[in-house]
């Protein structure tokens, strides 16, 4: 494990969340400035299929709260 990663892992959970948010924001800004990211045809098809499935049955699946609880309980 690199020294930088081990330092990051010593941060508190809230600090690591802020770090992840900052990294994500930097990725978004970088992509916006390049504005050259394109979804593949396959990715577009998958998204369209998922949206059509949701439109047919919006109550199917789990809420975000249910998903978070399942993840938390897997510890």
N, C-alpha and C. Protein backbone atom coordinates (compact mmCIF):
# COMPACT_ATOMS: atom_id res chain seq x y z
N UNK A 1 0.85 -1.17 0.00
CA UNK A 1 0.00 0.00 0.00
C UNK A 1 0.90 1.24 0.00
N UNK A 2 0.55 2.21 -0.81
CA UNK A 2 1.36 3.40 -0.89
C UNK A 2 1.22 4.22 0.38
N UNK A 3 2.23 5.05 0.65
CA UNK A 3 2.20 5.89 1.84
C UNK A 3 1.03 6.87 1.78
N UNK A 4 0.73 7.40 0.60
CA UNK A 4 -0.37 8.35 0.47
C UNK A 4 -1.70 7.69 0.79
N UNK A 5 -1.91 6.47 0.30
CA UNK A 5 -3.16 5.77 0.57
C UNK A 5 -3.29 5.47 2.06
N UNK A 6 -2.22 5.06 2.69
CA UNK A 6 -2.30 4.76 4.12
C UNK A 6 -2.61 6.02 4.92
N UNK A 7 -2.12 7.18 4.47
CA UNK A 7 -2.45 8.45 5.13
C UNK A 7 -3.93 8.77 4.95
N UNK A 8 -4.44 8.54 3.75
CA UNK A 8 -5.86 8.80 3.48
C UNK A 8 -6.73 7.91 4.35
N UNK A 9 -6.36 6.65 4.49
CA UNK A 9 -7.16 5.71 5.27
C UNK A 9 -7.16 6.04 6.76
N UNK A 10 -6.22 6.86 7.20
CA UNK A 10 -6.20 7.30 8.60
C UNK A 10 -7.18 8.44 8.87
N UNK A 11 -7.69 9.06 7.81
CA UNK A 11 -8.65 10.13 7.98
C UNK A 11 -9.96 9.58 8.53
N UNK A 12 -10.71 10.44 9.16
CA UNK A 12 -12.03 10.03 9.65
C UNK A 12 -12.95 9.79 8.47
N UNK A 13 -14.05 9.10 8.71
CA UNK A 13 -15.02 8.85 7.63
C UNK A 13 -15.52 10.16 7.02
N UNK A 14 -15.92 11.15 7.83
CA UNK A 14 -16.36 12.41 7.21
C UNK A 14 -15.27 13.07 6.35
N UNK A 15 -14.03 13.00 6.81
CA UNK A 15 -12.93 13.59 6.03
C UNK A 15 -12.73 12.85 4.72
N UNK A 16 -12.84 11.52 4.77
CA UNK A 16 -12.69 10.73 3.54
C UNK A 16 -13.84 11.00 2.57
N UNK A 17 -15.05 11.19 3.10
CA UNK A 17 -16.19 11.50 2.25
C UNK A 17 -15.96 12.84 1.56
N UNK A 18 -15.48 13.84 2.31
CA UNK A 18 -15.18 15.14 1.72
C UNK A 18 -14.12 15.01 0.64
N UNK A 19 -13.13 14.16 0.88
CA UNK A 19 -12.08 13.94 -0.11
C UNK A 19 -12.65 13.32 -1.38
N UNK A 20 -13.50 12.32 -1.21
CA UNK A 20 -14.12 11.68 -2.38
C UNK A 20 -14.96 12.68 -3.15
N UNK A 21 -15.71 13.51 -2.42
CA UNK A 21 -16.52 14.53 -3.09
C UNK A 21 -15.64 15.51 -3.87
N UNK A 22 -14.52 15.90 -3.28
CA UNK A 22 -13.61 16.82 -3.96
C UNK A 22 -13.02 16.17 -5.21
N UNK A 23 -12.67 14.90 -5.11
CA UNK A 23 -12.14 14.18 -6.28
C UNK A 23 -13.21 14.09 -7.36
N UNK A 24 -14.43 13.74 -6.96
CA UNK A 24 -15.52 13.62 -7.93
C UNK A 24 -15.77 14.97 -8.61
N UNK A 25 -15.80 16.04 -7.82
CA UNK A 25 -16.01 17.37 -8.39
C UNK A 25 -14.91 17.72 -9.39
N UNK A 26 -13.67 17.34 -9.08
CA UNK A 26 -12.57 17.64 -10.00
C UNK A 26 -12.73 16.86 -11.31
N UNK A 27 -13.25 15.64 -11.23
CA UNK A 27 -13.48 14.84 -12.43
C UNK A 27 -14.57 15.49 -13.27
N UNK A 28 -15.64 15.92 -12.62
CA UNK A 28 -16.74 16.58 -13.33
C UNK A 28 -16.24 17.84 -14.03
N UNK A 29 -15.48 18.66 -13.31
CA UNK A 29 -14.96 19.89 -13.89
C UNK A 29 -14.04 19.61 -15.07
N UNK A 30 -13.21 18.60 -14.92
CA UNK A 30 -12.29 18.24 -16.01
C UNK A 30 -13.07 17.78 -17.24
N UNK A 31 -14.09 16.97 -17.02
CA UNK A 31 -14.89 16.49 -18.15
C UNK A 31 -15.68 17.62 -18.79
N UNK A 32 -16.17 18.56 -17.96
CA UNK A 32 -16.90 19.69 -18.52
C UNK A 32 -16.00 20.56 -19.38
N UNK A 33 -14.76 20.73 -18.93
CA UNK A 33 -13.86 21.57 -19.69
C UNK A 33 -13.44 20.90 -21.01
N UNK A 34 -13.36 19.59 -20.99
CA UNK A 34 -13.01 18.87 -22.22
C UNK A 34 -14.23 18.67 -23.09
N UNK A 35 -15.36 18.48 -22.44
CA UNK A 35 -16.65 18.21 -23.10
C UNK A 35 -16.53 17.29 -24.31
N UNK A 36 -15.72 16.26 -24.14
CA UNK A 36 -15.56 15.31 -25.24
C UNK A 36 -15.92 13.89 -24.83
N UNK A 37 -16.50 13.73 -23.65
CA UNK A 37 -16.86 12.39 -23.22
C UNK A 37 -18.16 11.98 -23.90
N UNK A 38 -18.12 10.84 -24.52
CA UNK A 38 -19.30 10.34 -25.22
C UNK A 38 -19.62 8.94 -24.71
N UNK A 39 -20.90 8.69 -24.51
CA UNK A 39 -21.32 7.34 -24.16
C UNK A 39 -21.26 6.47 -25.41
N UNK A 40 -20.92 5.22 -25.21
CA UNK A 40 -20.93 4.29 -26.34
C UNK A 40 -22.37 3.94 -26.68
N UNK A 41 -22.58 3.40 -27.86
CA UNK A 41 -23.93 2.97 -28.24
C UNK A 41 -24.47 1.95 -27.26
N UNK A 42 -23.60 1.06 -26.80
CA UNK A 42 -24.01 0.04 -25.84
C UNK A 42 -24.46 0.68 -24.53
N UNK A 43 -23.72 1.67 -24.04
CA UNK A 43 -24.10 2.35 -22.81
C UNK A 43 -25.44 3.07 -22.97
N UNK A 44 -25.63 3.71 -24.10
CA UNK A 44 -26.89 4.41 -24.37
C UNK A 44 -28.04 3.41 -24.40
N UNK A 45 -27.84 2.26 -25.04
CA UNK A 45 -28.88 1.23 -25.11
C UNK A 45 -29.25 0.72 -23.72
N UNK A 46 -28.25 0.49 -22.88
CA UNK A 46 -28.49 0.01 -21.52
C UNK A 46 -29.31 1.04 -20.75
N UNK A 47 -28.92 2.31 -20.84
CA UNK A 47 -29.66 3.35 -20.14
C UNK A 47 -31.10 3.46 -20.64
N UNK A 48 -31.28 3.36 -21.94
CA UNK A 48 -32.64 3.42 -22.50
C UNK A 48 -33.49 2.24 -22.04
N UNK A 49 -32.89 1.05 -21.99
CA UNK A 49 -33.61 -0.13 -21.51
C UNK A 49 -34.01 0.03 -20.04
N UNK A 50 -33.08 0.54 -19.24
CA UNK A 50 -33.36 0.73 -17.82
C UNK A 50 -34.46 1.78 -17.61
N UNK A 51 -34.42 2.84 -18.39
CA UNK A 51 -35.45 3.87 -18.27
C UNK A 51 -36.81 3.35 -18.72
N UNK A 52 -36.83 2.53 -19.76
CA UNK A 52 -38.09 1.95 -20.22
C UNK A 52 -38.65 0.99 -19.17
N UNK A 53 -37.78 0.20 -18.55
CA UNK A 53 -38.22 -0.73 -17.50
C UNK A 53 -38.78 0.06 -16.31
N UNK A 54 -38.14 1.14 -15.97
CA UNK A 54 -38.64 1.98 -14.87
C UNK A 54 -39.99 2.59 -15.22
N UNK A 55 -40.13 3.05 -16.46
CA UNK A 55 -41.40 3.66 -16.88
C UNK A 55 -42.55 2.66 -16.80
N UNK A 56 -42.26 1.39 -17.09
CA UNK A 56 -43.30 0.35 -17.03
C UNK A 56 -43.70 0.03 -15.60
N UNK A 57 -42.73 0.05 -14.69
CA UNK A 57 -43.02 -0.31 -13.30
C UNK A 57 -42.13 0.50 -12.36
N UNK A 58 -42.50 1.75 -12.09
CA UNK A 58 -41.65 2.60 -11.25
C UNK A 58 -41.56 2.16 -9.79
N UNK A 59 -42.47 1.28 -9.36
CA UNK A 59 -42.43 0.82 -7.97
C UNK A 59 -41.54 -0.40 -7.77
N UNK A 60 -41.04 -0.96 -8.84
CA UNK A 60 -40.15 -2.12 -8.73
C UNK A 60 -38.78 -1.63 -8.30
N UNK A 61 -38.11 -2.44 -7.55
CA UNK A 61 -36.77 -2.07 -7.11
C UNK A 61 -36.78 -1.58 -5.67
N UNK A 62 -35.68 -0.96 -5.28
CA UNK A 62 -35.49 -0.53 -3.91
C UNK A 62 -35.30 0.97 -3.83
N UNK A 63 -35.71 1.54 -2.71
CA UNK A 63 -35.44 2.95 -2.48
C UNK A 63 -33.98 3.10 -2.09
N UNK A 64 -33.50 4.34 -2.16
CA UNK A 64 -32.11 4.60 -1.77
C UNK A 64 -31.91 4.22 -0.30
N UNK A 65 -32.88 4.50 0.55
CA UNK A 65 -32.78 4.15 1.97
C UNK A 65 -32.65 2.63 2.15
N UNK A 66 -33.42 1.85 1.40
CA UNK A 66 -33.34 0.39 1.49
C UNK A 66 -31.97 -0.11 1.05
N UNK A 67 -31.45 0.45 0.00
CA UNK A 67 -30.12 0.05 -0.49
C UNK A 67 -29.06 0.38 0.55
N UNK A 68 -29.11 1.59 1.11
CA UNK A 68 -28.12 1.97 2.13
C UNK A 68 -28.19 1.03 3.33
N UNK A 69 -29.40 0.71 3.77
CA UNK A 69 -29.55 -0.19 4.91
C UNK A 69 -29.00 -1.59 4.63
N UNK A 70 -29.22 -2.09 3.41
CA UNK A 70 -28.67 -3.41 3.05
C UNK A 70 -27.16 -3.38 3.08
N UNK A 71 -26.57 -2.31 2.55
CA UNK A 71 -25.12 -2.21 2.53
C UNK A 71 -24.57 -2.10 3.96
N UNK A 72 -25.20 -1.30 4.78
CA UNK A 72 -24.76 -1.13 6.17
C UNK A 72 -24.84 -2.44 6.95
N UNK A 73 -25.85 -3.25 6.66
CA UNK A 73 -26.07 -4.50 7.40
C UNK A 73 -25.21 -5.64 6.92
N UNK A 74 -24.43 -5.46 5.86
CA UNK A 74 -23.57 -6.53 5.35
C UNK A 74 -22.25 -6.64 6.11
N UNK A 75 -22.02 -5.75 7.03
CA UNK A 75 -20.75 -5.73 7.79
C UNK A 75 -20.58 -6.94 8.61
